Protein backbone atom coordinates (compact mmCIF):
# COMPACT_ATOMS: atom_id res chain seq x y z
CA MET A 1 0.00 0.00 0.00
CA ASN A 2 1.00 3.59 -0.56
CA LYS A 3 2.29 5.88 2.15
CA PHE A 4 0.69 9.30 2.16
CA ARG A 5 2.84 12.40 2.53
CA THR A 6 2.56 14.61 5.59
CA LEU A 7 0.58 17.80 5.33
CA THR A 8 2.30 21.01 4.31
CA ALA A 9 1.60 24.45 5.75
CA ASP A 10 -0.57 25.18 2.70
CA ASP A 11 -2.72 22.09 3.39
CA ILE A 12 -3.64 23.16 6.93
CA GLU A 13 -6.33 25.60 8.02
CA CYS A 14 -6.68 27.33 11.41
CA ARG A 15 -10.01 27.65 13.20
CA VAL A 16 -10.63 29.77 16.28
CA SER A 17 -11.80 27.45 19.04
CA THR A 18 -12.30 29.43 22.25
CA VAL A 19 -12.04 33.16 22.91
CA SER A 20 -11.69 35.05 26.18
CA GLU A 21 -10.48 38.48 27.25
CA LYS A 22 -6.99 36.92 27.49
CA GLY A 23 -6.80 35.70 23.86
CA CYS A 24 -7.95 32.73 21.81
CA SER A 25 -7.11 29.11 21.12
CA LEU A 26 -6.77 27.67 17.62
CA LEU A 27 -7.42 24.25 16.14
CA LEU A 28 -5.67 22.89 13.06
CA TYR A 29 -7.66 21.05 10.41
CA LYS A 30 -7.64 19.88 6.80
CA ASP A 31 -10.54 20.16 4.39
CA ALA A 32 -11.95 17.57 1.98
CA ARG A 33 -10.22 19.20 -1.02
CA CYS A 34 -6.87 18.55 0.68
CA ASP A 35 -7.74 14.86 1.06
CA MET A 36 -8.81 14.57 -2.58
CA LYS A 37 -5.58 16.26 -3.73
CA ILE A 38 -3.39 13.91 -1.68
CA LEU A 39 -5.32 10.83 -2.82
CA ASP A 40 -4.93 11.94 -6.45
CA GLU A 41 -1.19 12.64 -5.98
CA THR A 42 -0.46 9.35 -4.23
CA VAL A 43 -2.63 6.69 -5.87
CA GLY A 44 -3.95 8.52 -8.95
CA PRO A 45 -7.46 9.84 -9.50
CA GLU A 46 -8.67 6.56 -10.99
CA ASN A 47 -7.38 4.38 -8.15
CA TRP A 48 -9.53 5.65 -5.29
CA GLN A 49 -13.24 6.10 -4.78
CA ARG A 50 -15.67 7.18 -2.13
CA SER A 51 -19.21 6.22 -1.30
CA HIS A 52 -21.63 7.11 1.47
CA GLU A 53 -24.15 5.01 3.34
CA LEU A 54 -26.62 5.49 6.17
CA ILE A 55 -26.15 3.15 9.12
CA ASN A 56 -28.60 3.53 12.03
CA GLY A 57 -29.36 7.08 10.88
CA ASN A 58 -25.69 8.10 10.73
CA LEU A 59 -23.89 9.00 7.51
CA PHE A 60 -20.72 6.98 6.92
CA CYS A 61 -18.14 7.44 4.17
CA ASN A 62 -16.19 4.60 2.59
CA VAL A 63 -12.86 5.53 1.01
CA SER A 64 -11.56 2.70 -1.14
CA ILE A 65 -8.12 2.41 -2.74
CA PHE A 66 -7.27 -0.16 -5.38
CA ASP A 67 -4.44 -2.46 -4.27
CA GLU A 68 -2.71 -3.63 -7.44
CA VAL A 69 -0.79 -6.39 -5.62
CA LYS A 70 -3.96 -7.95 -4.20
CA GLY A 71 -6.04 -6.97 -7.22
CA GLU A 72 -8.88 -5.67 -5.06
CA TRP A 73 -10.32 -2.55 -3.47
CA ILE A 74 -9.38 -1.94 0.18
CA THR A 75 -11.90 0.19 2.10
CA LYS A 76 -11.75 2.24 5.29
CA GLN A 77 -14.85 3.84 6.74
CA ASP A 78 -15.87 6.47 9.30
CA VAL A 79 -18.91 8.45 10.39
CA GLY A 80 -19.44 12.21 10.10
CA THR A 81 -21.12 14.84 12.22
CA GLU A 82 -23.34 17.65 10.99
CA SER A 83 -21.92 21.13 10.46
CA TYR A 84 -23.58 24.34 11.61
CA THR A 85 -24.15 25.63 8.09
CA GLU A 86 -25.03 22.88 5.61
CA LYS A 87 -26.23 19.86 7.56
CA GLU A 88 -26.02 17.05 4.97
CA LYS A 89 -23.04 18.42 3.01
CA GLY A 90 -21.11 19.04 6.23
CA GLN A 91 -21.84 15.55 7.50
CA ALA A 92 -20.71 13.95 4.22
CA SER A 93 -17.53 16.06 4.14
CA ASP A 94 -16.74 15.25 7.79
CA ALA A 95 -17.24 11.52 7.20
CA PHE A 96 -14.92 11.70 4.16
CA LYS A 97 -12.20 13.55 6.10
CA ARG A 98 -12.45 11.06 8.97
CA ALA A 99 -12.20 8.10 6.60
CA CYS A 100 -9.10 9.70 5.08
CA PHE A 101 -7.60 10.05 8.59
CA ASN A 102 -8.10 6.27 8.84
CA TRP A 103 -5.92 5.93 5.72
CA GLY A 104 -3.32 8.10 7.46
CA ILE A 105 -3.89 11.38 5.62
CA GLY A 106 -3.24 14.22 8.06
CA ARG A 107 -3.00 11.98 11.09
CA GLU A 108 -0.19 14.19 12.37
CA LEU A 109 -2.81 16.82 13.21
CA TYR A 110 -3.74 14.66 16.22
CA THR A 111 -0.30 15.52 17.67
CA SER A 112 -0.84 19.29 17.48
CA PRO A 113 0.25 21.25 20.54
CA TYR A 114 -2.26 23.42 22.37
CA ILE A 115 -2.24 26.68 20.44
CA TRP A 116 -2.95 29.79 22.51
CA ILE A 117 -2.77 33.26 20.97
CA LYS A 118 -2.34 35.92 23.63
CA GLN A 119 -4.56 39.00 23.71
CA ALA A 120 -1.83 41.28 22.30
CA ASP A 121 -1.73 39.13 19.13
CA VAL A 122 -5.45 39.03 18.32
CA ALA A 123 -8.10 41.70 17.73
CA LEU A 124 -10.83 40.86 20.24
CA LYS A 125 -14.41 42.09 20.04
CA GLU A 126 -16.40 42.33 23.26
CA LEU A 127 -20.05 41.25 23.07
CA GLU A 128 -22.84 41.00 25.60
CA TYR A 129 -24.69 37.70 25.62
CA GLN A 130 -27.49 37.02 28.13
CA GLY A 131 -26.15 39.77 30.38
CA LYS A 132 -22.58 38.47 30.37
CA LYS A 133 -19.45 39.67 28.59
CA LYS A 134 -18.29 37.39 25.80
CA TYR A 135 -15.49 37.78 23.30
CA THR A 136 -14.98 36.89 19.66
CA THR A 137 -12.50 37.60 16.91
CA TYR A 138 -12.70 37.82 13.14
CA ASP A 139 -8.94 37.57 12.64
CA LYS A 140 -7.60 35.14 10.03
CA PHE A 141 -4.75 32.83 11.04
CA ARG A 142 -2.46 30.81 8.78
CA VAL A 143 0.13 28.08 9.29
CA THR A 144 3.39 29.33 7.78
CA GLN A 145 5.62 26.40 8.77
CA ILE A 146 5.17 22.85 10.01
CA ILE A 147 7.81 20.21 10.60
CA VAL A 148 6.67 16.63 11.15
CA GLU A 149 9.04 13.86 12.25
CA ASP A 150 7.94 10.26 12.80
CA GLY A 151 4.29 11.27 12.48
CA GLU A 152 4.47 14.01 15.15
CA ILE A 153 4.41 17.78 14.82
CA LYS A 154 7.81 18.94 16.07
CA ALA A 155 7.72 22.59 14.92
CA LEU A 156 4.90 24.93 13.98
CA ALA A 157 4.57 28.63 13.16
CA ILE A 158 1.32 30.58 12.79
CA ARG A 159 0.71 34.06 11.43
CA ASN A 160 -2.21 36.37 12.10
CA ASP A 161 -2.82 37.70 8.59
CA SER A 162 -5.32 40.25 9.90
CA LEU A 163 -2.66 41.90 12.09
CA ASN A 164 0.15 41.07 9.65
CA ARG A 165 2.46 39.36 12.16
CA MET A 166 3.70 36.04 13.48
CA VAL A 167 1.80 35.10 16.63
CA TYR A 168 2.76 31.52 17.49
CA GLN A 169 5.94 29.46 17.38
CA PHE A 170 6.50 25.94 18.67
CA ASP A 171 9.64 23.84 18.31
CA VAL A 172 10.57 20.77 20.35
CA ARG A 173 13.45 19.58 18.18
CA LYS A 174 16.77 19.16 19.93
CA LYS A 175 19.12 22.05 19.37
CA GLU A 176 22.55 21.06 18.07
């Protein structure tokens, strides 16, 4: 079977997770287009396929790759969850991305460090919700560098494009 490449900085998106008056946390993720691109690059567009099926009311995705040595399709499957915007499309996309994680595409994202962006590096907006202060941000963040060794993220850099500056750096590699 083929080994999938690790994700590059351009493959990874940043999503704001939690926001407080002290800053915000970020999550790293890949989208379905990234998975399709890597499948095409690695096995060829004609050597993989996807299908969806409902099992007990849950939408599952099957990602199958043709194994030329065995002469058969090998399938890995996972379930998706609904998104806040487009319920069915989001669920199908999530199931596909999860099935691709099962193949090993982007699995290094599970080793991401906790990413906290301090208040000085994010434009916070204060809101009032049910009589309490809440915070949000509309800033856009981007991974500018990622180094993966043995399936683990060893170094990571993130830029806040809205403020035009680097806001996060992580590196656990041994210094020579």
